[in-house]
Amino acid sequence: GGTVRLFEKELRTWKNRSYYQHVGFVFQQPDLQFLKQTVEDEF
């Protein structure tokens, strides 16, 4: 409920690709964050 805005624009109106160029997130469990097969590829 209520509203959440980033730069005065509501979150639901942001497209994900554009949003995550501005906002980064570090998970509590880092395993959830990894996408690649090697550490080097994550970089």
ModelCIF file with pLDDT and N, C-alpha, C, O atoms, coordinates in Angstrom:
data_MODEL
#
_entry.id   MODEL 
#
_entity.id                         1 
_entity.type                       polymer 
_entity.pdbx_number_of_molecules   1 
#
_entity_poly.entity_id                      1 
_entity_poly.type                           'polypeptide(L)' 
_entity_poly.nstd_linkage                   no 
_entity_poly.nstd_monomer                   no 
_entity_poly.pdbx_seq_one_letter_code       GGTVRLFEKELRTWKNRSYYQHVGFVFQQPDLQFLKQTVEDEF 
_entity_poly.pdbx_seq_one_letter_code_can   GGTVRLFEKELRTWKNRSYYQHVGFVFQQPDLQFLKQTVEDEF 
_entity_poly.pdbx_strand_id                 A 
#
loop_
_entity_poly_seq.entity_id 
_entity_poly_seq.num 
_entity_poly_seq.mon_id 
_entity_poly_seq.hetero 
1 1  GLY n 
1 2  GLY n 
1 3  THR n 
1 4  VAL n 
1 5  ARG n 
1 6  LEU n 
1 7  PHE n 
1 8  GLU n 
1 9  LYS n 
1 10 GLU n 
1 11 LEU n 
1 12 ARG n 
1 13 THR n 
1 14 TRP n 
1 15 LYS n 
1 16 ASN n 
1 17 ARG n 
1 18 SER n 
1 19 TYR n 
1 20 TYR n 
1 21 GLN n 
1 22 HIS n 
1 23 VAL n 
1 24 GLY n 
1 25 PHE n 
1 26 VAL n 
1 27 PHE n 
1 28 GLN n 
1 29 GLN n 
1 30 PRO n 
1 31 ASP n 
1 32 LEU n 
1 33 GLN n 
1 34 PHE n 
1 35 LEU n 
1 36 LYS n 
1 37 GLN n 
1 38 THR n 
1 39 VAL n 
1 40 GLU n 
1 41 ASP n 
1 42 GLU n 
1 43 PHE n 
#
_struct_asym.id          A 
_struct_asym.entity_id   1 
#
loop_
_ma_qa_metric.id 
_ma_qa_metric.mode 
_ma_qa_metric.name 
_ma_qa_metric.software_group_id 
_ma_qa_metric.type 
1 global pLDDT . pLDDT 
2 local  pLDDT . pLDDT 
#
_ma_qa_metric_global.metric_id      1 
_ma_qa_metric_global.metric_value   93.88 
_ma_qa_metric_global.model_id       1 
_ma_qa_metric_global.ordinal_id     1 
#
loop_
_ma_qa_metric_local.label_asym_id 
_ma_qa_metric_local.label_comp_id 
_ma_qa_metric_local.label_seq_id 
_ma_qa_metric_local.metric_id 
_ma_qa_metric_local.metric_value 
_ma_qa_metric_local.model_id 
_ma_qa_metric_local.ordinal_id 
A GLY 1  2 95.00 1 1  
A GLY 2  2 97.00 1 2  
A THR 3  2 96.00 1 3  
A VAL 4  2 97.00 1 4  
A ARG 5  2 97.00 1 5  
A LEU 6  2 97.00 1 6  
A PHE 7  2 96.00 1 7  
A GLU 8  2 94.00 1 8  
A LYS 9  2 96.00 1 9  
A GLU 10 2 96.00 1 10 
A LEU 11 2 95.00 1 11 
A ARG 12 2 92.00 1 12 
A THR 13 2 96.00 1 13 
A TRP 14 2 97.00 1 14 
A LYS 15 2 96.00 1 15 
A ASN 16 2 95.00 1 16 
A ARG 17 2 93.00 1 17 
A SER 18 2 95.00 1 18 
A TYR 19 2 97.00 1 19 
A TYR 20 2 94.00 1 20 
A GLN 21 2 93.00 1 21 
A HIS 22 2 96.00 1 22 
A VAL 23 2 97.00 1 23 
A GLY 24 2 95.00 1 24 
A PHE 25 2 95.00 1 25 
A VAL 26 2 94.00 1 26 
A PHE 27 2 90.00 1 27 
A GLN 28 2 83.00 1 28 
A GLN 29 2 83.00 1 29 
A PRO 30 2 88.00 1 30 
A ASP 31 2 88.00 1 31 
A LEU 32 2 87.00 1 32 
A GLN 33 2 90.00 1 33 
A PHE 34 2 94.00 1 34 
A LEU 35 2 93.00 1 35 
A LYS 36 2 95.00 1 36 
A GLN 37 2 93.00 1 37 
A THR 38 2 94.00 1 38 
A VAL 39 2 95.00 1 39 
A GLU 40 2 95.00 1 40 
A ASP 41 2 96.00 1 41 
A GLU 42 2 96.00 1 42 
A PHE 43 2 96.00 1 43 
#
loop_
_atom_site.group_PDB 
_atom_site.id 
_atom_site.type_symbol 
_atom_site.label_atom_id 
_atom_site.label_alt_id 
_atom_site.label_comp_id 
_atom_site.label_asym_id 
_atom_site.label_entity_id 
_atom_site.label_seq_id 
_atom_site.pdbx_PDB_ins_code 
_atom_site.Cartn_x 
_atom_site.Cartn_y 
_atom_site.Cartn_z 
_atom_site.occupancy 
_atom_site.B_iso_or_equiv 
_atom_site.pdbx_formal_charge 
_atom_site.auth_seq_id 
_atom_site.auth_comp_id 
_atom_site.auth_asym_id 
_atom_site.auth_atom_id 
_atom_site.pdbx_PDB_model_num 
ATOM 1   N N  . GLY A 1 1  ? 0.838  -1.195  0.000   1.00 95.00 ? 1  GLY A N  1 
ATOM 2   C CA . GLY A 1 1  ? 0.000  0.000   0.000   1.00 95.00 ? 1  GLY A CA 1 
ATOM 3   C C  . GLY A 1 1  ? 0.870  1.241   0.000   1.00 95.00 ? 1  GLY A C  1 
ATOM 4   O O  . GLY A 1 1  ? 2.080  1.159   0.215   1.00 95.00 ? 1  GLY A O  1 
ATOM 5   N N  . GLY A 1 2  ? 0.251  2.401   -0.243  1.00 97.00 ? 2  GLY A N  1 
ATOM 6   C CA . GLY A 1 2  ? 1.017  3.636   -0.299  1.00 97.00 ? 2  GLY A CA 1 
ATOM 7   C C  . GLY A 1 2  ? 1.809  3.733   -1.596  1.00 97.00 ? 2  GLY A C  1 
ATOM 8   O O  . GLY A 1 2  ? 1.539  3.007   -2.553  1.00 97.00 ? 2  GLY A O  1 
ATOM 9   N N  . THR A 1 3  ? 2.778  4.625   -1.621  1.00 96.00 ? 3  THR A N  1 
ATOM 10  C CA . THR A 1 3  ? 3.565  4.816   -2.839  1.00 96.00 ? 3  THR A CA 1 
ATOM 11  C C  . THR A 1 3  ? 5.059  4.764   -2.535  1.00 96.00 ? 3  THR A C  1 
ATOM 12  O O  . THR A 1 3  ? 5.504  5.140   -1.450  1.00 96.00 ? 3  THR A O  1 
ATOM 13  N N  . VAL A 1 4  ? 5.827  4.285   -3.522  1.00 97.00 ? 4  VAL A N  1 
ATOM 14  C CA . VAL A 1 4  ? 7.292  4.305   -3.476  1.00 97.00 ? 4  VAL A CA 1 
ATOM 15  C C  . VAL A 1 4  ? 7.764  4.905   -4.792  1.00 97.00 ? 4  VAL A C  1 
ATOM 16  O O  . VAL A 1 4  ? 7.384  4.438   -5.865  1.00 97.00 ? 4  VAL A O  1 
ATOM 17  N N  . ARG A 1 5  ? 8.593  5.941   -4.707  1.00 97.00 ? 5  ARG A N  1 
ATOM 18  C CA . ARG A 1 5  ? 9.084  6.602   -5.916  1.00 97.00 ? 5  ARG A CA 1 
ATOM 19  C C  . ARG A 1 5  ? 10.610 6.630   -5.925  1.00 97.00 ? 5  ARG A C  1 
ATOM 20  O O  . ARG A 1 5  ? 11.256 6.777   -4.887  1.00 97.00 ? 5  ARG A O  1 
ATOM 21  N N  . LEU A 1 6  ? 11.159 6.488   -7.114  1.00 97.00 ? 6  LEU A N  1 
ATOM 22  C CA . LEU A 1 6  ? 12.584 6.744   -7.347  1.00 97.00 ? 6  LEU A CA 1 
ATOM 23  C C  . LEU A 1 6  ? 12.677 7.925   -8.297  1.00 97.00 ? 6  LEU A C  1 
ATOM 24  O O  . LEU A 1 6  ? 12.132 7.882   -9.400  1.00 97.00 ? 6  LEU A O  1 
ATOM 25  N N  . PHE A 1 7  ? 13.361 8.976   -7.878  1.00 96.00 ? 7  PHE A N  1 
ATOM 26  C CA . PHE A 1 7  ? 13.451 10.219  -8.669  1.00 96.00 ? 7  PHE A CA 1 
ATOM 27  C C  . PHE A 1 7  ? 12.060 10.717  -9.059  1.00 96.00 ? 7  PHE A C  1 
ATOM 28  O O  . PHE A 1 7  ? 11.828 11.123  -10.198 1.00 96.00 ? 7  PHE A O  1 
ATOM 29  N N  . GLU A 1 8  ? 11.127 10.678  -8.081  1.00 94.00 ? 8  GLU A N  1 
ATOM 30  C CA . GLU A 1 8  ? 9.759  11.185  -8.247  1.00 94.00 ? 8  GLU A CA 1 
ATOM 31  C C  . GLU A 1 8  ? 8.930  10.368  -9.237  1.00 94.00 ? 8  GLU A C  1 
ATOM 32  O O  . GLU A 1 8  ? 7.853  10.802  -9.646  1.00 94.00 ? 8  GLU A O  1 
ATOM 33  N N  . LYS A 1 9  ? 9.420  9.189   -9.624  1.00 96.00 ? 9  LYS A N  1 
ATOM 34  C CA . LYS A 1 9  ? 8.672  8.327   -10.553 1.00 96.00 ? 9  LYS A CA 1 
ATOM 35  C C  . LYS A 1 9  ? 8.330  7.030   -9.829  1.00 96.00 ? 9  LYS A C  1 
ATOM 36  O O  . LYS A 1 9  ? 9.214  6.376   -9.275  1.00 96.00 ? 9  LYS A O  1 
ATOM 37  N N  . GLU A 1 10 ? 7.046  6.655   -9.832  1.00 96.00 ? 10 GLU A N  1 
ATOM 38  C CA . GLU A 1 10 ? 6.616  5.463   -9.102  1.00 96.00 ? 10 GLU A CA 1 
ATOM 39  C C  . GLU A 1 10 ? 7.312  4.214   -9.625  1.00 96.00 ? 10 GLU A C  1 
ATOM 40  O O  . GLU A 1 10 ? 7.544  4.059   -10.824 1.00 96.00 ? 10 GLU A O  1 
ATOM 41  N N  . LEU A 1 11 ? 7.639  3.323   -8.681  1.00 95.00 ? 11 LEU A N  1 
ATOM 42  C CA . LEU A 1 11 ? 8.400  2.126   -9.044  1.00 95.00 ? 11 LEU A CA 1 
ATOM 43  C C  . LEU A 1 11 ? 7.703  1.288   -10.099 1.00 95.00 ? 11 LEU A C  1 
ATOM 44  O O  . LEU A 1 11 ? 8.355  0.752   -10.996 1.00 95.00 ? 11 LEU A O  1 
ATOM 45  N N  . ARG A 1 12 ? 6.378  1.168   -10.003 1.00 92.00 ? 12 ARG A N  1 
ATOM 46  C CA . ARG A 1 12 ? 5.662  0.285   -10.935 1.00 92.00 ? 12 ARG A CA 1 
ATOM 47  C C  . ARG A 1 12 ? 5.730  0.789   -12.374 1.00 92.00 ? 12 ARG A C  1 
ATOM 48  O O  . ARG A 1 12 ? 5.466  0.027   -13.304 1.00 92.00 ? 12 ARG A O  1 
ATOM 49  N N  . THR A 1 13 ? 6.078  2.052   -12.571 1.00 96.00 ? 13 THR A N  1 
ATOM 50  C CA . THR A 1 13 ? 6.150  2.594   -13.931 1.00 96.00 ? 13 THR A CA 1 
ATOM 51  C C  . THR A 1 13 ? 7.545  2.472   -14.537 1.00 96.00 ? 13 THR A C  1 
ATOM 52  O O  . THR A 1 13 ? 7.736  2.758   -15.719 1.00 96.00 ? 13 THR A O  1 
ATOM 53  N N  . TRP A 1 14 ? 8.527  2.045   -13.726 1.00 97.00 ? 14 TRP A N  1 
ATOM 54  C CA . TRP A 1 14 ? 9.886  1.861   -14.238 1.00 97.00 ? 14 TRP A CA 1 
ATOM 55  C C  . TRP A 1 14 ? 9.997  0.520   -14.960 1.00 97.00 ? 14 TRP A C  1 
ATOM 56  O O  . TRP A 1 14 ? 9.462  -0.485  -14.492 1.00 97.00 ? 14 TRP A O  1 
ATOM 57  N N  . LYS A 1 15 ? 10.679 0.504   -16.082 1.00 96.00 ? 15 LYS A N  1 
ATOM 58  C CA . LYS A 1 15 ? 11.048 -0.758  -16.717 1.00 96.00 ? 15 LYS A CA 1 
ATOM 59  C C  . LYS A 1 15 ? 12.295 -1.306  -16.023 1.00 96.00 ? 15 LYS A C  1 
ATOM 60  O O  . LYS A 1 15 ? 13.193 -0.553  -15.648 1.00 96.00 ? 15 LYS A O  1 
ATOM 61  N N  . ASN A 1 16 ? 12.333 -2.623  -15.859 1.00 95.00 ? 16 ASN A N  1 
ATOM 62  C CA . ASN A 1 16 ? 13.395 -3.233  -15.064 1.00 95.00 ? 16 ASN A CA 1 
ATOM 63  C C  . ASN A 1 16 ? 14.787 -2.870  -15.568 1.00 95.00 ? 16 ASN A C  1 
ATOM 64  O O  . ASN A 1 16 ? 15.652 -2.504  -14.772 1.00 95.00 ? 16 ASN A O  1 
ATOM 65  N N  . ARG A 1 17 ? 15.017 -2.966  -16.876 1.00 93.00 ? 17 ARG A N  1 
ATOM 66  C CA . ARG A 1 17 ? 16.357 -2.696  -17.403 1.00 93.00 ? 17 ARG A CA 1 
ATOM 67  C C  . ARG A 1 17 ? 16.826 -1.294  -17.030 1.00 93.00 ? 17 ARG A C  1 
ATOM 68  O O  . ARG A 1 17 ? 17.971 -1.102  -16.621 1.00 93.00 ? 17 ARG A O  1 
ATOM 69  N N  . SER A 1 18 ? 15.945 -0.330  -17.171 1.00 95.00 ? 18 SER A N  1 
ATOM 70  C CA . SER A 1 18 ? 16.293 1.049   -16.838 1.00 95.00 ? 18 SER A CA 1 
ATOM 71  C C  . SER A 1 18 ? 16.467 1.213   -15.330 1.00 95.00 ? 18 SER A C  1 
ATOM 72  O O  . SER A 1 18 ? 17.377 1.908   -14.877 1.00 95.00 ? 18 SER A O  1 
ATOM 73  N N  . TYR A 1 19 ? 15.589 0.569   -14.552 1.00 97.00 ? 19 TYR A N  1 
ATOM 74  C CA . TYR A 1 19 ? 15.620 0.722   -13.096 1.00 97.00 ? 19 TYR A CA 1 
ATOM 75  C C  . TYR A 1 19 ? 16.945 0.233   -12.519 1.00 97.00 ? 19 TYR A C  1 
ATOM 76  O O  . TYR A 1 19 ? 17.548 0.902   -11.679 1.00 97.00 ? 19 TYR A O  1 
ATOM 77  N N  . TYR A 1 20 ? 17.394 -0.937  -12.974 1.00 94.00 ? 20 TYR A N  1 
ATOM 78  C CA . TYR A 1 20 ? 18.594 -1.528  -12.381 1.00 94.00 ? 20 TYR A CA 1 
ATOM 79  C C  . TYR A 1 20 ? 19.889 -0.911  -12.897 1.00 94.00 ? 20 TYR A C  1 
ATOM 80  O O  . TYR A 1 20 ? 20.977 -1.276  -12.453 1.00 94.00 ? 20 TYR A O  1 
ATOM 81  N N  . GLN A 1 21 ? 19.768 0.016   -13.829 1.00 93.00 ? 21 GLN A N  1 
ATOM 82  C CA . GLN A 1 21 ? 20.937 0.832   -14.149 1.00 93.00 ? 21 GLN A CA 1 
ATOM 83  C C  . GLN A 1 21 ? 21.186 1.873   -13.054 1.00 93.00 ? 21 GLN A C  1 
ATOM 84  O O  . GLN A 1 21 ? 22.302 2.366   -12.890 1.00 93.00 ? 21 GLN A O  1 
ATOM 85  N N  . HIS A 1 22 ? 20.140 2.193   -12.321 1.00 96.00 ? 22 HIS A N  1 
ATOM 86  C CA . HIS A 1 22 ? 20.242 3.179   -11.234 1.00 96.00 ? 22 HIS A CA 1 
ATOM 87  C C  . HIS A 1 22 ? 20.397 2.534   -9.859  1.00 96.00 ? 22 HIS A C  1 
ATOM 88  O O  . HIS A 1 22 ? 21.026 3.108   -8.970  1.00 96.00 ? 22 HIS A O  1 
ATOM 89  N N  . VAL A 1 23 ? 19.823 1.342   -9.684  1.00 97.00 ? 23 VAL A N  1 
ATOM 90  C CA . VAL A 1 23 ? 19.735 0.717   -8.359  1.00 97.00 ? 23 VAL A CA 1 
ATOM 91  C C  . VAL A 1 23 ? 20.420 -0.646  -8.367  1.00 97.00 ? 23 VAL A C  1 
ATOM 92  O O  . VAL A 1 23 ? 20.142 -1.484  -9.224  1.00 97.00 ? 23 VAL A O  1 
ATOM 93  N N  . GLY A 1 24 ? 21.320 -0.859  -7.403  1.00 95.00 ? 24 GLY A N  1 
ATOM 94  C CA . GLY A 1 24 ? 21.960 -2.161  -7.222  1.00 95.00 ? 24 GLY A CA 1 
ATOM 95  C C  . GLY A 1 24 ? 21.510 -2.785  -5.914  1.00 95.00 ? 24 GLY A C  1 
ATOM 96  O O  . GLY A 1 24 ? 21.131 -2.082  -4.977  1.00 95.00 ? 24 GLY A O  1 
ATOM 97  N N  . PHE A 1 25 ? 21.554 -4.116  -5.856  1.00 95.00 ? 25 PHE A N  1 
ATOM 98  C CA . PHE A 1 25 ? 21.079 -4.827  -4.670  1.00 95.00 ? 25 PHE A CA 1 
ATOM 99  C C  . PHE A 1 25 ? 22.020 -5.970  -4.324  1.00 95.00 ? 25 PHE A C  1 
ATOM 100 O O  . PHE A 1 25 ? 22.358 -6.783  -5.183  1.00 95.00 ? 25 PHE A O  1 
ATOM 101 N N  . VAL A 1 26 ? 22.442 -6.033  -3.064  1.00 94.00 ? 26 VAL A N  1 
ATOM 102 C CA . VAL A 1 26 ? 23.282 -7.131  -2.558  1.00 94.00 ? 26 VAL A CA 1 
ATOM 103 C C  . VAL A 1 26 ? 22.421 -7.977  -1.630  1.00 94.00 ? 26 VAL A C  1 
ATOM 104 O O  . VAL A 1 26 ? 21.991 -7.506  -0.578  1.00 94.00 ? 26 VAL A O  1 
ATOM 105 N N  . PHE A 1 27 ? 22.167 -9.225  -2.017  1.00 90.00 ? 27 PHE A N  1 
ATOM 106 C CA . PHE A 1 27 ? 21.289 -10.110 -1.269  1.00 90.00 ? 27 PHE A CA 1 
ATOM 107 C C  . PHE A 1 27 ? 21.906 -10.527 0.066   1.00 90.00 ? 27 PHE A C  1 
ATOM 108 O O  . PHE A 1 27 ? 23.125 -10.517 0.236   1.00 90.00 ? 27 PHE A O  1 
ATOM 109 N N  . GLN A 1 28 ? 21.031 -10.897 1.013   1.00 83.00 ? 28 GLN A N  1 
ATOM 110 C CA . GLN A 1 28 ? 21.499 -11.454 2.282   1.00 83.00 ? 28 GLN A CA 1 
ATOM 111 C C  . GLN A 1 28 ? 22.181 -12.802 2.046   1.00 83.00 ? 28 GLN A C  1 
ATOM 112 O O  . GLN A 1 28 ? 23.199 -13.099 2.670   1.00 83.00 ? 28 GLN A O  1 
ATOM 113 N N  . GLN A 1 29 ? 21.624 -13.618 1.147   1.00 83.00 ? 29 GLN A N  1 
ATOM 114 C CA . GLN A 1 29 ? 22.241 -14.884 0.763   1.00 83.00 ? 29 GLN A CA 1 
ATOM 115 C C  . GLN A 1 29 ? 22.852 -14.706 -0.626  1.00 83.00 ? 29 GLN A C  1 
ATOM 116 O O  . GLN A 1 29 ? 22.117 -14.680 -1.613  1.00 83.00 ? 29 GLN A O  1 
ATOM 117 N N  . PRO A 1 30 ? 24.164 -14.585 -0.726  1.00 88.00 ? 30 PRO A N  1 
ATOM 118 C CA . PRO A 1 30 ? 24.796 -14.241 -2.005  1.00 88.00 ? 30 PRO A CA 1 
ATOM 119 C C  . PRO A 1 30 ? 24.552 -15.255 -3.118  1.00 88.00 ? 30 PRO A C  1 
ATOM 120 O O  . PRO A 1 30 ? 24.625 -14.897 -4.294  1.00 88.00 ? 30 PRO A O  1 
ATOM 121 N N  . ASP A 1 31 ? 24.260 -16.522 -2.774  1.00 88.00 ? 31 ASP A N  1 
ATOM 122 C CA . ASP A 1 31 ? 23.999 -17.520 -3.818  1.00 88.00 ? 31 ASP A CA 1 
ATOM 123 C C  . ASP A 1 31 ? 22.874 -17.077 -4.746  1.00 88.00 ? 31 ASP A C  1 
ATOM 124 O O  . ASP A 1 31 ? 22.869 -17.438 -5.923  1.00 88.00 ? 31 ASP A O  1 
ATOM 125 N N  . LEU A 1 32 ? 21.912 -16.295 -4.230  1.00 87.00 ? 32 LEU A N  1 
ATOM 126 C CA . LEU A 1 32 ? 20.770 -15.869 -5.025  1.00 87.00 ? 32 LEU A CA 1 
ATOM 127 C C  . LEU A 1 32 ? 21.152 -14.863 -6.104  1.00 87.00 ? 32 LEU A C  1 
ATOM 128 O O  . LEU A 1 32 ? 20.356 -14.574 -6.997  1.00 87.00 ? 32 LEU A O  1 
ATOM 129 N N  . GLN A 1 33 ? 22.354 -14.337 -6.022  1.00 90.00 ? 33 GLN A N  1 
ATOM 130 C CA . GLN A 1 33 ? 22.762 -13.234 -6.882  1.00 90.00 ? 33 GLN A CA 1 
ATOM 131 C C  . GLN A 1 33 ? 23.567 -13.680 -8.100  1.00 90.00 ? 33 GLN A C  1 
ATOM 132 O O  . GLN A 1 33 ? 23.703 -12.927 -9.064  1.00 90.00 ? 33 GLN A O  1 
ATOM 133 N N  . PHE A 1 34 ? 24.102 -14.902 -8.059  1.00 94.00 ? 34 PHE A N  1 
ATOM 134 C CA . PHE A 1 34 ? 25.054 -15.321 -9.085  1.00 94.00 ? 34 PHE A CA 1 
ATOM 135 C C  . PHE A 1 34 ? 24.348 -15.906 -10.300 1.00 94.00 ? 34 PHE A C  1 
ATOM 136 O O  . PHE A 1 34 ? 23.358 -16.627 -10.175 1.00 94.00 ? 34 PHE A O  1 
ATOM 137 N N  . LEU A 1 35 ? 24.882 -15.579 -11.496 1.00 93.00 ? 35 LEU A N  1 
ATOM 138 C CA . LEU A 1 35 ? 24.261 -15.975 -12.756 1.00 93.00 ? 35 LEU A CA 1 
ATOM 139 C C  . LEU A 1 35 ? 25.181 -16.800 -13.648 1.00 93.00 ? 35 LEU A C  1 
ATOM 140 O O  . LEU A 1 35 ? 24.704 -17.502 -14.539 1.00 93.00 ? 35 LEU A O  1 
ATOM 141 N N  . LYS A 1 36 ? 26.478 -16.730 -13.425 1.00 95.00 ? 36 LYS A N  1 
ATOM 142 C CA . LYS A 1 36 ? 27.438 -17.336 -14.343 1.00 95.00 ? 36 LYS A CA 1 
ATOM 143 C C  . LYS A 1 36 ? 28.165 -18.523 -13.700 1.00 95.00 ? 36 LYS A C  1 
ATOM 144 O O  . LYS A 1 36 ? 28.027 -18.797 -12.508 1.00 95.00 ? 36 LYS A O  1 
ATOM 145 N N  . GLN A 1 37 ? 28.944 -19.215 -14.540 1.00 93.00 ? 37 GLN A N  1 
ATOM 146 C CA . GLN A 1 37 ? 29.615 -20.446 -14.116 1.00 93.00 ? 37 GLN A CA 1 
ATOM 147 C C  . GLN A 1 37 ? 30.924 -20.196 -13.388 1.00 93.00 ? 37 GLN A C  1 
ATOM 148 O O  . GLN A 1 37 ? 31.391 -21.059 -12.645 1.00 93.00 ? 37 GLN A O  1 
ATOM 149 N N  . THR A 1 38 ? 31.527 -19.021 -13.591 1.00 94.00 ? 38 THR A N  1 
ATOM 150 C CA . THR A 1 38 ? 32.810 -18.730 -12.948 1.00 94.00 ? 38 THR A CA 1 
ATOM 151 C C  . THR A 1 38 ? 32.784 -17.342 -12.315 1.00 94.00 ? 38 THR A C  1 
ATOM 152 O O  . THR A 1 38 ? 31.972 -16.487 -12.669 1.00 94.00 ? 38 THR A O  1 
ATOM 153 N N  . VAL A 1 39 ? 33.693 -17.147 -11.372 1.00 95.00 ? 39 VAL A N  1 
ATOM 154 C CA . VAL A 1 39 ? 33.842 -15.842 -10.716 1.00 95.00 ? 39 VAL A CA 1 
ATOM 155 C C  . VAL A 1 39 ? 34.197 -14.774 -11.747 1.00 95.00 ? 39 VAL A C  1 
ATOM 156 O O  . VAL A 1 39 ? 33.640 -13.676 -11.737 1.00 95.00 ? 39 VAL A O  1 
ATOM 157 N N  . GLU A 1 40 ? 35.119 -15.107 -12.626 1.00 95.00 ? 40 GLU A N  1 
ATOM 158 C CA . GLU A 1 40 ? 35.551 -14.150 -13.653 1.00 95.00 ? 40 GLU A CA 1 
ATOM 159 C C  . GLU A 1 40 ? 34.382 -13.697 -14.518 1.00 95.00 ? 40 GLU A C  1 
ATOM 160 O O  . GLU A 1 40 ? 34.268 -12.515 -14.842 1.00 95.00 ? 40 GLU A O  1 
ATOM 161 N N  . ASP A 1 41 ? 33.510 -14.637 -14.894 1.00 96.00 ? 41 ASP A N  1 
ATOM 162 C CA . ASP A 1 41 ? 32.362 -14.281 -15.736 1.00 96.00 ? 41 ASP A CA 1 
ATOM 163 C C  . ASP A 1 41 ? 31.362 -13.406 -14.992 1.00 96.00 ? 41 ASP A C  1 
ATOM 164 O O  . ASP A 1 41 ? 30.671 -12.596 -15.611 1.00 96.00 ? 41 ASP A O  1 
ATOM 165 N N  . GLU A 1 42 ? 31.274 -13.557 -13.663 1.00 96.00 ? 42 GLU A N  1 
ATOM 166 C CA . GLU A 1 42 ? 30.416 -12.672 -12.884 1.00 96.00 ? 42 GLU A CA 1 
ATOM 167 C C  . GLU A 1 42 ? 30.905 -11.222 -12.992 1.00 96.00 ? 42 GLU A C  1 
ATOM 168 O O  . GLU A 1 42 ? 30.101 -10.292 -13.065 1.00 96.00 ? 42 GLU A O  1 
ATOM 169 N N  . PHE A 1 43 ? 32.234 -11.041 -13.003 1.00 96.00 ? 43 PHE A N  1 
ATOM 170 C CA . PHE A 1 43 ? 32.784 -9.698  -13.174 1.00 96.00 ? 43 PHE A CA 1 
ATOM 171 C C  . PHE A 1 43 ? 32.499 -9.188  -14.583 1.00 96.00 ? 43 PHE A C  1 
ATOM 172 O O  . PHE A 1 43 ? 32.884 -8.070  -14.924 1.00 96.00 ? 43 PHE A O  1 
#
